[in-house]
Amino acid sequence: MQSSGHRQRDTEQQQPLLSPDDDRGAVAGLAGAPADHGRLWFIQDGCGIVCAVVTWCLVLYADFVVNFVMLLPNKSFWYSLVNGALFNFLAVMALASHLRAMLSDPGAVPKGNATREYMDSLQLKPGEVIYKCPKCSSIKPERAHHCSICQRCIRKMDHHCPWVNNCVGEKNQRFFVLFTMYIALISGYALCLSFLQFYTCVHDQWNECTDFSPPVAVMLMIFLCLEAFLFLTFTVVMFGTQIHSICNDETEIERLKNEKPTWERRVRWEGMKAVFGGPPSFLWLNPLAGLRLRRLLMTRTRRSGVEFSV
């Protein structure tokens, strides 16, 4: 498409312009436009949904073992109260972060926005080249990449994570970082409590340190230790990778493709402020910060996902 001296580079044949029906189905998030934080996003991907359910089941299993096998039968009231409150708080924060990462628009570019009217509204300079995605018929902003699972172009797409059933992009990277952090914390916490429980039960009678029979209690705690070790290893690596990407203002896709930066990099604290919002504060650690709950109305079901108005 060429208009007013502007050139558009297509990698495939020209895609049809946006129809009125497609326009109503577009998610907020035009290139350069503020995102609509009043929408929830859900990807209808079978593998991702299974992985998300498994994640919740494993966290709830860890919570069950810690509370009912180790803490509640303990003779010390304050030991059970303090550790129970802290572990359950971290577990709730982990699940809340998972929900926000899964149900937040990662920065999707509306499908079919490559119209003449939208092209004219960009006010491009003569000879300036823009790119159109041949798969979703969208004008691709800088640093946007197409996700074959979400079937959308995602701004600053880092990767698609099946465990949160969503892409990690410009608008939900903060929640993904918090998710990995809180999962790492509860995994390490569960390991510490399990080792302390084993030590206590070996020196005392097994029947006195837990309400479950010794074989059942041992099997439950061994599985918990294996789960916690695997999750701790995975999430610590992912957390470190995400912090490194944020501080260097470089997504994982850009790093793997060895793309030369054409943008002004926001490094270290500037990158952290851009992702987490504002100066450092305890709100950075709260996945519920900025969430405004209103009535949920399902507005449209698409092949790639479901949008909800909030």
C-alpha atoms as a PDB file:
ATOM      1  CA  MET A   1       0.000   0.000   0.000  1.00  0.00           C
ATOM      2  CA  GLN A   2       1.331   3.415  -0.892  1.00  0.00           C
ATOM      3  CA  SER A   3      -0.307   6.672   0.154  1.00  0.00           C
ATOM      4  CA  SER A   4       0.938  10.291   0.104  1.00  0.00           C
ATOM      5  CA  GLY A   5       4.458   9.227  -0.655  1.00  0.00           C
ATOM      6  CA  HIS A   6       4.561   6.676   2.132  1.00  0.00           C
ATOM      7  CA  ARG A   7       5.747   3.176   1.436  1.00  0.00           C
ATOM      8  CA  GLN A   8       4.587   0.035   3.177  1.00  0.00           C
ATOM      9  CA  ARG A   9       6.652  -3.118   2.961  1.00  0.00           C
ATOM     10  CA  ASP A  10       4.708  -6.381   2.705  1.00  0.00           C
ATOM     11  CA  THR A  11       6.359  -9.777   2.950  1.00  0.00           C
ATOM     12  CA  GLU A  12       3.381 -11.451   1.277  1.00  0.00           C
ATOM     13  CA  GLN A  13       0.480 -10.398  -0.902  1.00  0.00           C
ATOM     14  CA  GLN A  14      -1.694  -7.478   0.087  1.00  0.00           C
ATOM     15  CA  GLN A  15      -4.164  -8.390   2.824  1.00  0.00           C
ATOM     16  CA  PRO A  16      -7.794  -7.192   2.763  1.00  0.00           C
ATOM     17  CA  LEU A  17      -8.597  -3.995   4.600  1.00  0.00           C
ATOM     18  CA  LEU A  18     -10.315  -4.041   7.961  1.00  0.00           C
ATOM     19  CA  SER A  19     -14.040  -4.578   7.818  1.00  0.00           C
ATOM     20  CA  PRO A  20     -16.467  -3.025  10.322  1.00  0.00           C
ATOM     21  CA  ASP A  21     -17.030  -6.422  11.968  1.00  0.00           C
ATOM     22  CA  ASP A  22     -13.294  -6.972  12.456  1.00  0.00           C
ATOM     23  CA  ASP A  23     -12.914  -3.483  13.879  1.00  0.00           C
ATOM     24  CA  ARG A  24     -15.383  -4.209  16.651  1.00  0.00           C
ATOM     25  CA  GLY A  25     -13.391  -7.287  17.632  1.00  0.00           C
ATOM     26  CA  ALA A  26     -10.061  -5.497  17.953  1.00  0.00           C
ATOM     27  CA  VAL A  27      -8.443  -5.276  21.375  1.00  0.00           C
ATOM     28  CA  ALA A  28      -7.334  -1.898  22.692  1.00  0.00           C
ATOM     29  CA  GLY A  29      -3.670  -1.267  22.082  1.00  0.00           C
ATOM     30  CA  LEU A  30      -3.031   0.585  18.833  1.00  0.00           C
ATOM     31  CA  ALA A  31       0.576   1.381  18.144  1.00  0.00           C
ATOM     32  CA  GLY A  32       1.372   4.414  20.211  1.00  0.00           C
ATOM     33  CA  ALA A  33      -2.062   4.445  21.823  1.00  0.00           C
ATOM     34  CA  PRO A  34      -2.582   3.799  25.516  1.00  0.00           C
ATOM     35  CA  ALA A  35      -3.694   0.309  26.411  1.00  0.00           C
ATOM     36  CA  ASP A  36      -7.174  -0.306  27.674  1.00  0.00           C
ATOM     37  CA  HIS A  37      -6.672  -1.697  31.145  1.00  0.00           C
ATOM     38  CA  GLY A  38     -10.383  -2.432  31.399  1.00  0.00           C
ATOM     39  CA  ARG A  39     -10.206  -5.674  29.432  1.00  0.00           C
ATOM     40  CA  LEU A  40      -9.313  -9.185  30.370  1.00  0.00           C
ATOM     41  CA  TRP A  41      -7.632 -11.461  27.884  1.00  0.00           C
ATOM     42  CA  PHE A  42      -7.808 -15.241  27.640  1.00  0.00           C
ATOM     43  CA  ILE A  43      -6.166 -17.496  25.056  1.00  0.00           C
ATOM     44  CA  GLN A  44      -8.098 -20.604  24.045  1.00  0.00           C
ATOM     45  CA  ASP A  45      -5.113 -22.912  23.667  1.00  0.00           C
ATOM     46  CA  GLY A  46      -5.529 -26.483  24.926  1.00  0.00           C
ATOM     47  CA  CYS A  47      -1.902 -26.995  25.901  1.00  0.00           C
ATOM     48  CA  GLY A  48      -1.740 -23.642  27.669  1.00  0.00           C
ATOM     49  CA  ILE A  49      -4.957 -24.251  29.593  1.00  0.00           C
ATOM     50  CA  VAL A  50      -3.687 -27.655  30.771  1.00  0.00           C
ATOM     51  CA  CYS A  51      -0.364 -26.145  31.862  1.00  0.00           C
ATOM     52  CA  ALA A  52      -2.140 -23.348  33.731  1.00  0.00           C
ATOM     53  CA  VAL A  53      -4.409 -25.826  35.541  1.00  0.00           C
ATOM     54  CA  VAL A  54      -1.414 -28.021  36.428  1.00  0.00           C
ATOM     55  CA  THR A  55       0.354 -24.957  37.842  1.00  0.00           C
ATOM     56  CA  TRP A  56      -2.568 -24.182  40.130  1.00  0.00           C
ATOM     57  CA  CYS A  57      -2.894 -27.822  41.208  1.00  0.00           C
ATOM     58  CA  LEU A  58       0.800 -28.008  42.136  1.00  0.00           C
ATOM     59  CA  VAL A  59       0.641 -24.778  44.137  1.00  0.00           C
ATOM     60  CA  LEU A  60      -2.498 -25.953  45.952  1.00  0.00           C
ATOM     61  CA  TYR A  61      -0.866 -29.327  46.611  1.00  0.00           C
ATOM     62  CA  ALA A  62       2.130 -27.614  48.183  1.00  0.00           C
ATOM     63  CA  ASP A  63      -0.221 -25.478  50.276  1.00  0.00           C
ATOM     64  CA  PHE A  64      -2.087 -28.592  51.443  1.00  0.00           C
ATOM     65  CA  VAL A  65       1.066 -30.471  52.481  1.00  0.00           C
ATOM     66  CA  VAL A  66       2.588 -27.479  54.258  1.00  0.00           C
ATOM     67  CA  ASN A  67      -0.591 -26.674  56.188  1.00  0.00           C
ATOM     68  CA  PHE A  68      -2.139 -30.052  56.961  1.00  0.00           C
ATOM     69  CA  VAL A  69       0.891 -32.337  57.090  1.00  0.00           C
ATOM     70  CA  MET A  70       3.511 -30.077  58.672  1.00  0.00           C
ATOM     71  CA  LEU A  71       2.109 -26.972  60.357  1.00  0.00           C
ATOM     72  CA  LEU A  72      -1.298 -27.744  61.870  1.00  0.00           C
ATOM     73  CA  PRO A  73      -0.129 -30.905  63.746  1.00  0.00           C
ATOM     74  CA  ASN A  74       2.858 -29.018  65.183  1.00  0.00           C
ATOM     75  CA  LYS A  75       2.853 -28.560  68.958  1.00  0.00           C
ATOM     76  CA  SER A  76       4.022 -24.950  68.766  1.00  0.00           C
ATOM     77  CA  PHE A  77       1.093 -22.620  68.142  1.00  0.00           C
ATOM     78  CA  TRP A  78       3.234 -19.635  67.148  1.00  0.00           C
ATOM     79  CA  TYR A  79       5.394 -21.725  64.815  1.00  0.00           C
ATOM     80  CA  SER A  80       2.299 -22.890  62.967  1.00  0.00           C
ATOM     81  CA  LEU A  81       0.681 -19.455  62.957  1.00  0.00           C
ATOM     82  CA  VAL A  82       3.677 -17.449  61.713  1.00  0.00           C
ATOM     83  CA  ASN A  83       4.817 -19.937  59.074  1.00  0.00           C
ATOM     84  CA  GLY A  84       1.270 -20.675  57.947  1.00  0.00           C
ATOM     85  CA  ALA A  85       0.408 -17.004  57.526  1.00  0.00           C
ATOM     86  CA  LEU A  86       3.624 -16.254  55.634  1.00  0.00           C
ATOM     87  CA  PHE A  87       3.473 -19.288  53.342  1.00  0.00           C
ATOM     88  CA  ASN A  88      -0.196 -18.784  52.490  1.00  0.00           C
ATOM     89  CA  PHE A  89       0.396 -15.094  51.811  1.00  0.00           C
ATOM     90  CA  LEU A  90       3.175 -15.923  49.352  1.00  0.00           C
ATOM     91  CA  ALA A  91       1.014 -18.611  47.725  1.00  0.00           C
ATOM     92  CA  VAL A  92      -1.872 -16.168  47.246  1.00  0.00           C
ATOM     93  CA  MET A  93       0.490 -13.601  45.733  1.00  0.00           C
ATOM     94  CA  ALA A  94       1.886 -16.240  43.374  1.00  0.00           C
ATOM     95  CA  LEU A  95      -1.573 -17.272  42.167  1.00  0.00           C
ATOM     96  CA  ALA A  96      -2.684 -13.650  41.852  1.00  0.00           C
ATOM     97  CA  SER A  97       0.401 -12.903  39.746  1.00  0.00           C
ATOM     98  CA  HIS A  98      -0.378 -15.942  37.603  1.00  0.00           C
ATOM     99  CA  LEU A  99      -3.928 -14.747  36.995  1.00  0.00           C
ATOM    100  CA  ARG A 100      -2.795 -11.236  36.081  1.00  0.00           C
ATOM    101  CA  ALA A 101      -0.141 -12.592  33.703  1.00  0.00           C
ATOM    102  CA  MET A 102      -2.655 -14.966  32.100  1.00  0.00           C
ATOM    103  CA  LEU A 103      -5.655 -12.620  31.847  1.00  0.00           C
ATOM    104  CA  SER A 104      -3.851  -9.385  30.890  1.00  0.00           C
ATOM    105  CA  ASP A 105      -3.475  -8.197  27.324  1.00  0.00           C
ATOM    106  CA  PRO A 106       0.274  -8.600  26.678  1.00  0.00           C
ATOM    107  CA  GLY A 107       0.266  -5.712  24.213  1.00  0.00           C
ATOM    108  CA  ALA A 108      -1.632  -7.070  21.230  1.00  0.00           C
ATOM    109  CA  VAL A 109      -1.831  -5.017  18.060  1.00  0.00           C
ATOM    110  CA  PRO A 110      -5.386  -4.931  16.645  1.00  0.00           C
ATOM    111  CA  LYS A 111      -6.008  -7.198  13.694  1.00  0.00           C
ATOM    112  CA  GLY A 112      -6.514  -5.588  10.308  1.00  0.00           C
ATOM    113  CA  ASN A 113      -5.530  -2.026  11.238  1.00  0.00           C
ATOM    114  CA  ALA A 114      -3.732  -1.595   7.894  1.00  0.00           C
ATOM    115  CA  THR A 115      -6.416   0.702   6.486  1.00  0.00           C
ATOM    116  CA  ARG A 116      -5.913   3.850   4.449  1.00  0.00           C
ATOM    117  CA  GLU A 117      -7.466   5.949   7.213  1.00  0.00           C
ATOM    118  CA  TYR A 118      -5.134   4.525   9.851  1.00  0.00           C
ATOM    119  CA  MET A 119      -2.138   4.967   7.543  1.00  0.00           C
ATOM    120  CA  ASP A 120      -3.007   8.629   7.062  1.00  0.00           C
ATOM    121  CA  SER A 121      -3.429   9.116  10.824  1.00  0.00           C
ATOM    122  CA  LEU A 122       0.162   7.977  11.434  1.00  0.00           C
ATOM    123  CA  GLN A 123       1.472  11.135   9.714  1.00  0.00           C
ATOM    124  CA  LEU A 124       4.561   9.355   8.432  1.00  0.00           C
ATOM    125  CA  LYS A 125       7.459  11.228   6.934  1.00  0.00           C
ATOM    126  CA  PRO A 126       8.027  10.859   3.171  1.00  0.00           C
ATOM    127  CA  GLY A 127       9.980   7.703   2.440  1.00  0.00           C
ATOM    128  CA  GLU A 128       9.470   6.254   5.933  1.00  0.00           C
ATOM    129  CA  VAL A 129       9.047   2.483   5.844  1.00  0.00           C
ATOM    130  CA  ILE A 130       6.484   0.670   7.963  1.00  0.00           C
ATOM    131  CA  TYR A 131       5.788  -3.043   8.134  1.00  0.00           C
ATOM    132  CA  LYS A 132       2.601  -5.002   7.800  1.00  0.00           C
ATOM    133  CA  CYS A 133       2.179  -8.467   9.262  1.00  0.00           C
ATOM    134  CA  PRO A 134       0.843 -10.770   6.509  1.00  0.00           C
ATOM    135  CA  LYS A 135      -0.681 -13.125   9.110  1.00  0.00           C
ATOM    136  CA  CYS A 136      -2.933 -10.756  11.036  1.00  0.00           C
ATOM    137  CA  SER A 137      -3.018  -7.808   8.607  1.00  0.00           C
ATOM    138  CA  SER A 138      -1.675  -5.408  11.216  1.00  0.00           C
ATOM    139  CA  ILE A 139       0.723  -2.512  10.990  1.00  0.00           C
ATOM    140  CA  LYS A 140       3.568  -3.784  13.157  1.00  0.00           C
ATOM    141  CA  PRO A 141       4.973  -1.269  15.626  1.00  0.00           C
ATOM    142  CA  GLU A 142       8.675  -1.286  16.298  1.00  0.00           C
ATOM    143  CA  ARG A 143       9.803  -4.330  18.353  1.00  0.00           C
ATOM    144  CA  ALA A 144       6.511  -6.183  17.757  1.00  0.00           C
ATOM    145  CA  HIS A 145       6.523  -9.876  16.788  1.00  0.00           C
ATOM    146  CA  HIS A 146       3.761 -12.221  15.677  1.00  0.00           C
ATOM    147  CA  CYS A 147       2.750 -15.062  18.001  1.00  0.00           C
ATOM    148  CA  SER A 148       1.348 -18.085  16.194  1.00  0.00           C
ATOM    149  CA  ILE A 149      -0.503 -19.252  19.324  1.00  0.00           C
ATOM    150  CA  CYS A 150      -2.122 -15.933  20.258  1.00  0.00           C
ATOM    151  CA  GLN A 151      -2.527 -15.231  16.512  1.00  0.00           C
ATOM    152  CA  ARG A 152      -1.648 -11.603  17.118  1.00  0.00           C
ATOM    153  CA  CYS A 153       1.328  -9.291  16.867  1.00  0.00           C
ATOM    154  CA  ILE A 154       2.578  -8.530  20.387  1.00  0.00           C
ATOM    155  CA  ARG A 155       4.518  -5.399  21.280  1.00  0.00           C
ATOM    156  CA  LYS A 156       7.882  -6.137  22.911  1.00  0.00           C
ATOM    157  CA  MET A 157       7.087  -9.858  22.864  1.00  0.00           C
ATOM    158  CA  ASP A 158       9.572 -11.740  25.028  1.00  0.00           C
ATOM    159  CA  HIS A 159       8.214 -15.276  24.571  1.00  0.00           C
ATOM    160  CA  HIS A 160       5.017 -17.299  24.763  1.00  0.00           C
ATOM    161  CA  CYS A 161       4.782 -19.121  28.094  1.00  0.00           C
ATOM    162  CA  PRO A 162       2.432 -22.119  28.233  1.00  0.00           C
ATOM    163  CA  TRP A 163       2.490 -22.073  32.053  1.00  0.00           C
ATOM    164  CA  VAL A 164       0.613 -18.763  32.045  1.00  0.00           C
ATOM    165  CA  ASN A 165      -1.179 -19.558  28.768  1.00  0.00           C
ATOM    166  CA  ASN A 166      -0.190 -16.217  27.330  1.00  0.00           C
ATOM    167  CA  CYS A 167       2.562 -14.231  25.691  1.00  0.00           C
ATOM    168  CA  VAL A 168       4.902 -12.244  27.888  1.00  0.00           C
ATOM    169  CA  GLY A 169       4.942  -8.779  26.386  1.00  0.00           C
ATOM    170  CA  GLU A 170       4.923  -5.080  27.043  1.00  0.00           C
ATOM    171  CA  LYS A 171       1.784  -4.985  29.192  1.00  0.00           C
ATOM    172  CA  ASN A 172       2.090  -8.111  31.357  1.00  0.00           C
ATOM    173  CA  GLN A 173       5.825  -8.686  31.825  1.00  0.00           C
ATOM    174  CA  ARG A 174       5.619  -7.266  35.328  1.00  0.00           C
ATOM    175  CA  PHE A 175       3.094  -9.910  36.390  1.00  0.00           C
ATOM    176  CA  PHE A 176       5.192 -12.699  34.879  1.00  0.00           C
ATOM    177  CA  VAL A 177       8.259 -11.503  36.804  1.00  0.00           C
ATOM    178  CA  LEU A 178       6.241 -11.417  40.031  1.00  0.00           C
ATOM    179  CA  PHE A 179       4.881 -14.901  39.299  1.00  0.00           C
ATOM    180  CA  THR A 180       8.374 -16.386  38.925  1.00  0.00           C
ATOM    181  CA  MET A 181       9.564 -14.552  42.037  1.00  0.00           C
ATOM    182  CA  TYR A 182       6.732 -15.716  44.301  1.00  0.00           C
ATOM    183  CA  ILE A 183       6.881 -19.297  42.993  1.00  0.00           C
ATOM    184  CA  ALA A 184      10.622 -19.328  43.735  1.00  0.00           C
ATOM    185  CA  LEU A 185       9.964 -18.004  47.258  1.00  0.00           C
ATOM    186  CA  ILE A 186       7.290 -20.558  48.163  1.00  0.00           C
ATOM    187  CA  SER A 187       9.380 -23.361  46.620  1.00  0.00           C
ATOM    188  CA  GLY A 188      12.401 -22.466  48.738  1.00  0.00           C
ATOM    189  CA  TYR A 189      10.158 -21.993  51.782  1.00  0.00           C
ATOM    190  CA  ALA A 190       8.548 -25.412  51.271  1.00  0.00           C
ATOM    191  CA  LEU A 191      11.975 -27.056  51.020  1.00  0.00           C
ATOM    192  CA  CYS A 192      13.098 -25.455  54.271  1.00  0.00           C
ATOM    193  CA  LEU A 193       9.911 -26.501  56.098  1.00  0.00           C
ATOM    194  CA  SER A 194      10.192 -30.047  54.728  1.00  0.00           C
ATOM    195  CA  PHE A 195      13.792 -30.483  55.864  1.00  0.00           C
ATOM    196  CA  LEU A 196      12.901 -29.107  59.295  1.00  0.00           C
ATOM    197  CA  GLN A 197       9.906 -31.465  59.478  1.00  0.00           C
ATOM    198  CA  PHE A 198      12.040 -34.487  58.568  1.00  0.00           C
ATOM    199  CA  TYR A 199      14.602 -33.523  61.203  1.00  0.00           C
ATOM    200  CA  THR A 200      11.929 -33.070  63.880  1.00  0.00           C
ATOM    201  CA  CYS A 201      10.133 -36.334  63.101  1.00  0.00           C
ATOM    202  CA  VAL A 202      13.357 -38.364  63.054  1.00  0.00           C
ATOM    203  CA  HIS A 203      14.245 -37.199  66.563  1.00  0.00           C
ATOM    204  CA  ASP A 204      10.679 -37.584  67.844  1.00  0.00           C
ATOM    205  CA  GLN A 205       7.944 -40.114  67.229  1.00  0.00           C
ATOM    206  CA  TRP A 206       6.411 -39.858  63.737  1.00  0.00           C
ATOM    207  CA  ASN A 207       2.930 -40.330  65.161  1.00  0.00           C
ATOM    208  CA  GLU A 208       3.407 -37.227  67.319  1.00  0.00           C
ATOM    209  CA  CYS A 209       4.645 -34.821  64.632  1.00  0.00           C
ATOM    210  CA  THR A 210       1.921 -35.398  62.031  1.00  0.00           C
ATOM    211  CA  ASP A 211      -1.697 -36.551  61.862  1.00  0.00           C
ATOM    212  CA  PHE A 212      -0.957 -38.734  58.832  1.00  0.00           C
ATOM    213  CA  SER A 213       0.556 -42.192  59.006  1.00  0.00           C
ATOM    214  CA  PRO A 214       4.379 -42.169  58.615  1.00  0.00           C
ATOM    215  CA  PRO A 215       4.429 -43.762  55.117  1.00  0.00           C
ATOM    216  CA  VAL A 216       1.802 -41.341  53.768  1.00  0.00           C
ATOM    217  CA  ALA A 217       3.465 -38.320  55.361  1.00  0.00           C
ATOM    218  CA  VAL A 218       6.871 -39.303  53.967  1.00  0.00           C
ATOM    219  CA  MET A 219       5.514 -39.828  50.449  1.00  0.00           C
ATOM    220  CA  LEU A 220       3.660 -36.505  50.500  1.00  0.00           C
ATOM    221  CA  MET A 221       6.740 -34.597  51.676  1.00  0.00           C
ATOM    222  CA  ILE A 222       9.097 -36.355  49.239  1.00  0.00           C
ATOM    223  CA  PHE A 223       6.860 -35.402  46.311  1.00  0.00           C
ATOM    224  CA  LEU A 224       6.664 -31.865  47.687  1.00  0.00           C
ATOM    225  CA  CYS A 225      10.460 -31.669  47.863  1.00  0.00           C
ATOM    226  CA  LEU A 226      10.820 -32.861  44.272  1.00  0.00           C
ATOM    227  CA  GLU A 227       8.190 -30.412  43.060  1.00  0.00           C
ATOM    228  CA  ALA A 228       9.688 -27.532  45.035  1.00  0.00           C
ATOM    229  CA  PHE A 229      13.221 -28.242  43.811  1.00  0.00           C
ATOM    230  CA  LEU A 230      12.167 -28.340  40.148  1.00  0.00           C
ATOM    231  CA  PHE A 231      10.041 -25.210  40.418  1.00  0.00           C
ATOM    232  CA  LEU A 232      12.744 -23.383  42.362  1.00  0.00           C
ATOM    233  CA  THR A 233      15.362 -24.158  39.725  1.00  0.00           C
ATOM    234  CA  PHE A 234      13.099 -23.185  36.826  1.00  0.00           C
ATOM    235  CA  THR A 235      11.701 -19.979  38.302  1.00  0.00           C
ATOM    236  CA  VAL A 236      15.045 -18.681  39.588  1.00  0.00           C
ATOM    237  CA  VAL A 237      16.488 -19.038  36.074  1.00  0.00           C
ATOM    238  CA  MET A 238      13.432 -17.379  34.507  1.00  0.00           C
ATOM    239  CA  PHE A 239      13.416 -14.581  37.086  1.00  0.00           C
ATOM    240  CA  GLY A 240      17.088 -13.851  36.482  1.00  0.00           C
ATOM    241  CA  THR A 241      16.589 -13.924  32.710  1.00  0.00           C
ATOM    242  CA  GLN A 242      13.656 -11.520  32.899  1.00  0.00           C
ATOM    243  CA  ILE A 243      15.470  -9.046  35.166  1.00  0.00           C
ATOM    244  CA  HIS A 244      18.494  -9.159  32.844  1.00  0.00           C
ATOM    245  CA  SER A 245      16.247  -8.493  29.818  1.00  0.00           C
ATOM    246  CA  ILE A 246      14.502  -5.597  31.540  1.00  0.00           C
ATOM    247  CA  CYS A 247      17.737  -3.980  32.701  1.00  0.00           C
ATOM    248  CA  ASN A 248      19.187  -4.249  29.186  1.00  0.00           C
ATOM    249  CA  ASP A 249      15.915  -3.305  27.444  1.00  0.00           C
ATOM    250  CA  GLU A 250      16.153  -6.359  25.206  1.00  0.00           C
ATOM    251  CA  THR A 251      13.554  -9.095  24.823  1.00  0.00           C
ATOM    252  CA  GLU A 252      14.460 -12.756  24.547  1.00  0.00           C
ATOM    253  CA  ILE A 253      13.413 -12.813  20.877  1.00  0.00           C
ATOM    254  CA  GLU A 254      15.617  -9.814  20.121  1.00  0.00           C
ATOM    255  CA  ARG A 255      18.520 -11.460  21.903  1.00  0.00           C
ATOM    256  CA  LEU A 256      18.109 -14.772  20.069  1.00  0.00           C
ATOM    257  CA  LYS A 257      17.771 -13.017  16.702  1.00  0.00           C
ATOM    258  CA  ASN A 258      20.707 -10.771  17.574  1.00  0.00           C
ATOM    259  CA  GLU A 259      18.710  -7.740  16.481  1.00  0.00           C
ATOM    260  CA  LYS A 260      20.595  -4.464  16.535  1.00  0.00           C
ATOM    261  CA  PRO A 261      18.725  -1.887  18.623  1.00  0.00           C
ATOM    262  CA  THR A 262      17.138   0.912  16.614  1.00  0.00           C
ATOM    263  CA  TRP A 263      15.500   2.346  19.719  1.00  0.00           C
ATOM    264  CA  GLU A 264      16.884   4.322  22.648  1.00  0.00           C
ATOM    265  CA  ARG A 265      17.574   1.766  25.341  1.00  0.00           C
ATOM    266  CA  ARG A 266      16.310   2.301  28.871  1.00  0.00           C
ATOM    267  CA  VAL A 267      18.822   0.431  30.974  1.00  0.00           C
ATOM    268  CA  ARG A 268      18.879  -0.650  34.607  1.00  0.00           C
ATOM    269  CA  TRP A 269      16.497   1.373  36.800  1.00  0.00           C
ATOM    270  CA  GLU A 270      14.915   3.181  33.872  1.00  0.00           C
ATOM    271  CA  GLY A 271      13.958  -0.181  32.386  1.00  0.00           C
ATOM    272  CA  MET A 272      12.620  -1.412  35.732  1.00  0.00           C
ATOM    273  CA  LYS A 273      10.541   1.755  36.135  1.00  0.00           C
ATOM    274  CA  ALA A 274       9.114   1.331  32.644  1.00  0.00           C
ATOM    275  CA  VAL A 275       8.014  -2.257  33.331  1.00  0.00           C
ATOM    276  CA  PHE A 276       6.858  -1.943  36.955  1.00  0.00           C
ATOM    277  CA  GLY A 277       5.599   1.629  36.723  1.00  0.00           C
ATOM    278  CA  GLY A 278       6.879   4.623  38.651  1.00  0.00           C
ATOM    279  CA  PRO A 279       9.702   4.876  41.173  1.00  0.00           C
ATOM    280  CA  PRO A 280      10.632   1.892  43.364  1.00  0.00           C
ATOM    281  CA  SER A 281       7.978   1.116  45.970  1.00  0.00           C
ATOM    282  CA  PHE A 282       6.236  -1.814  47.615  1.00  0.00           C
ATOM    283  CA  LEU A 283       3.575  -1.528  44.906  1.00  0.00           C
ATOM    284  CA  TRP A 284       6.091  -3.167  42.574  1.00  0.00           C
ATOM    285  CA  LEU A 285       5.597  -6.368  44.574  1.00  0.00           C
ATOM    286  CA  ASN A 286       1.798  -6.229  44.529  1.00  0.00           C
ATOM    287  CA  PRO A 287       0.225  -7.965  41.502  1.00  0.00           C
ATOM    288  CA  LEU A 288      -3.154  -6.477  42.423  1.00  0.00           C
ATOM    289  CA  ALA A 289      -1.937  -2.864  42.250  1.00  0.00           C
ATOM    290  CA  GLY A 290      -3.910  -0.910  39.670  1.00  0.00           C
ATOM    291  CA  LEU A 291      -6.623  -3.575  39.368  1.00  0.00           C
ATOM    292  CA  ARG A 292     -10.102  -2.104  39.198  1.00  0.00           C
ATOM    293  CA  LEU A 293     -12.778  -4.766  39.462  1.00  0.00           C
ATOM    294  CA  ARG A 294     -16.152  -4.020  37.943  1.00  0.00           C
ATOM    295  CA  ARG A 295     -18.778  -6.240  36.414  1.00  0.00           C
ATOM    296  CA  LEU A 296     -17.421  -8.782  33.938  1.00  0.00           C
ATOM    297  CA  LEU A 297     -19.200  -8.988  30.590  1.00  0.00           C
ATOM    298  CA  MET A 298     -18.134 -11.330  27.840  1.00  0.00           C
ATOM    299  CA  THR A 299     -18.092  -9.162  24.722  1.00  0.00           C
ATOM    300  CA  ARG A 300     -16.766 -11.448  22.027  1.00  0.00           C
ATOM    301  CA  THR A 301     -15.419 -14.952  21.538  1.00  0.00           C
ATOM    302  CA  ARG A 302     -12.766 -15.317  18.883  1.00  0.00           C
ATOM    303  CA  ARG A 303     -10.690 -18.176  17.627  1.00  0.00           C
ATOM    304  CA  SER A 304      -7.612 -16.798  19.337  1.00  0.00           C
ATOM    305  CA  GLY A 305      -9.193 -15.953  22.651  1.00  0.00           C
ATOM    306  CA  VAL A 306     -11.969 -14.356  24.659  1.00  0.00           C
ATOM    307  CA  GLU A 307     -12.203 -10.693  25.588  1.00  0.00           C
ATOM    308  CA  PHE A 308     -13.962  -9.549  28.724  1.00  0.00           C
ATOM    309  CA  SER A 309     -14.951  -6.014  29.625  1.00  0.00           C
ATOM    310  CA  VAL A 310     -14.059  -5.118  33.196  1.00  0.00           C
END
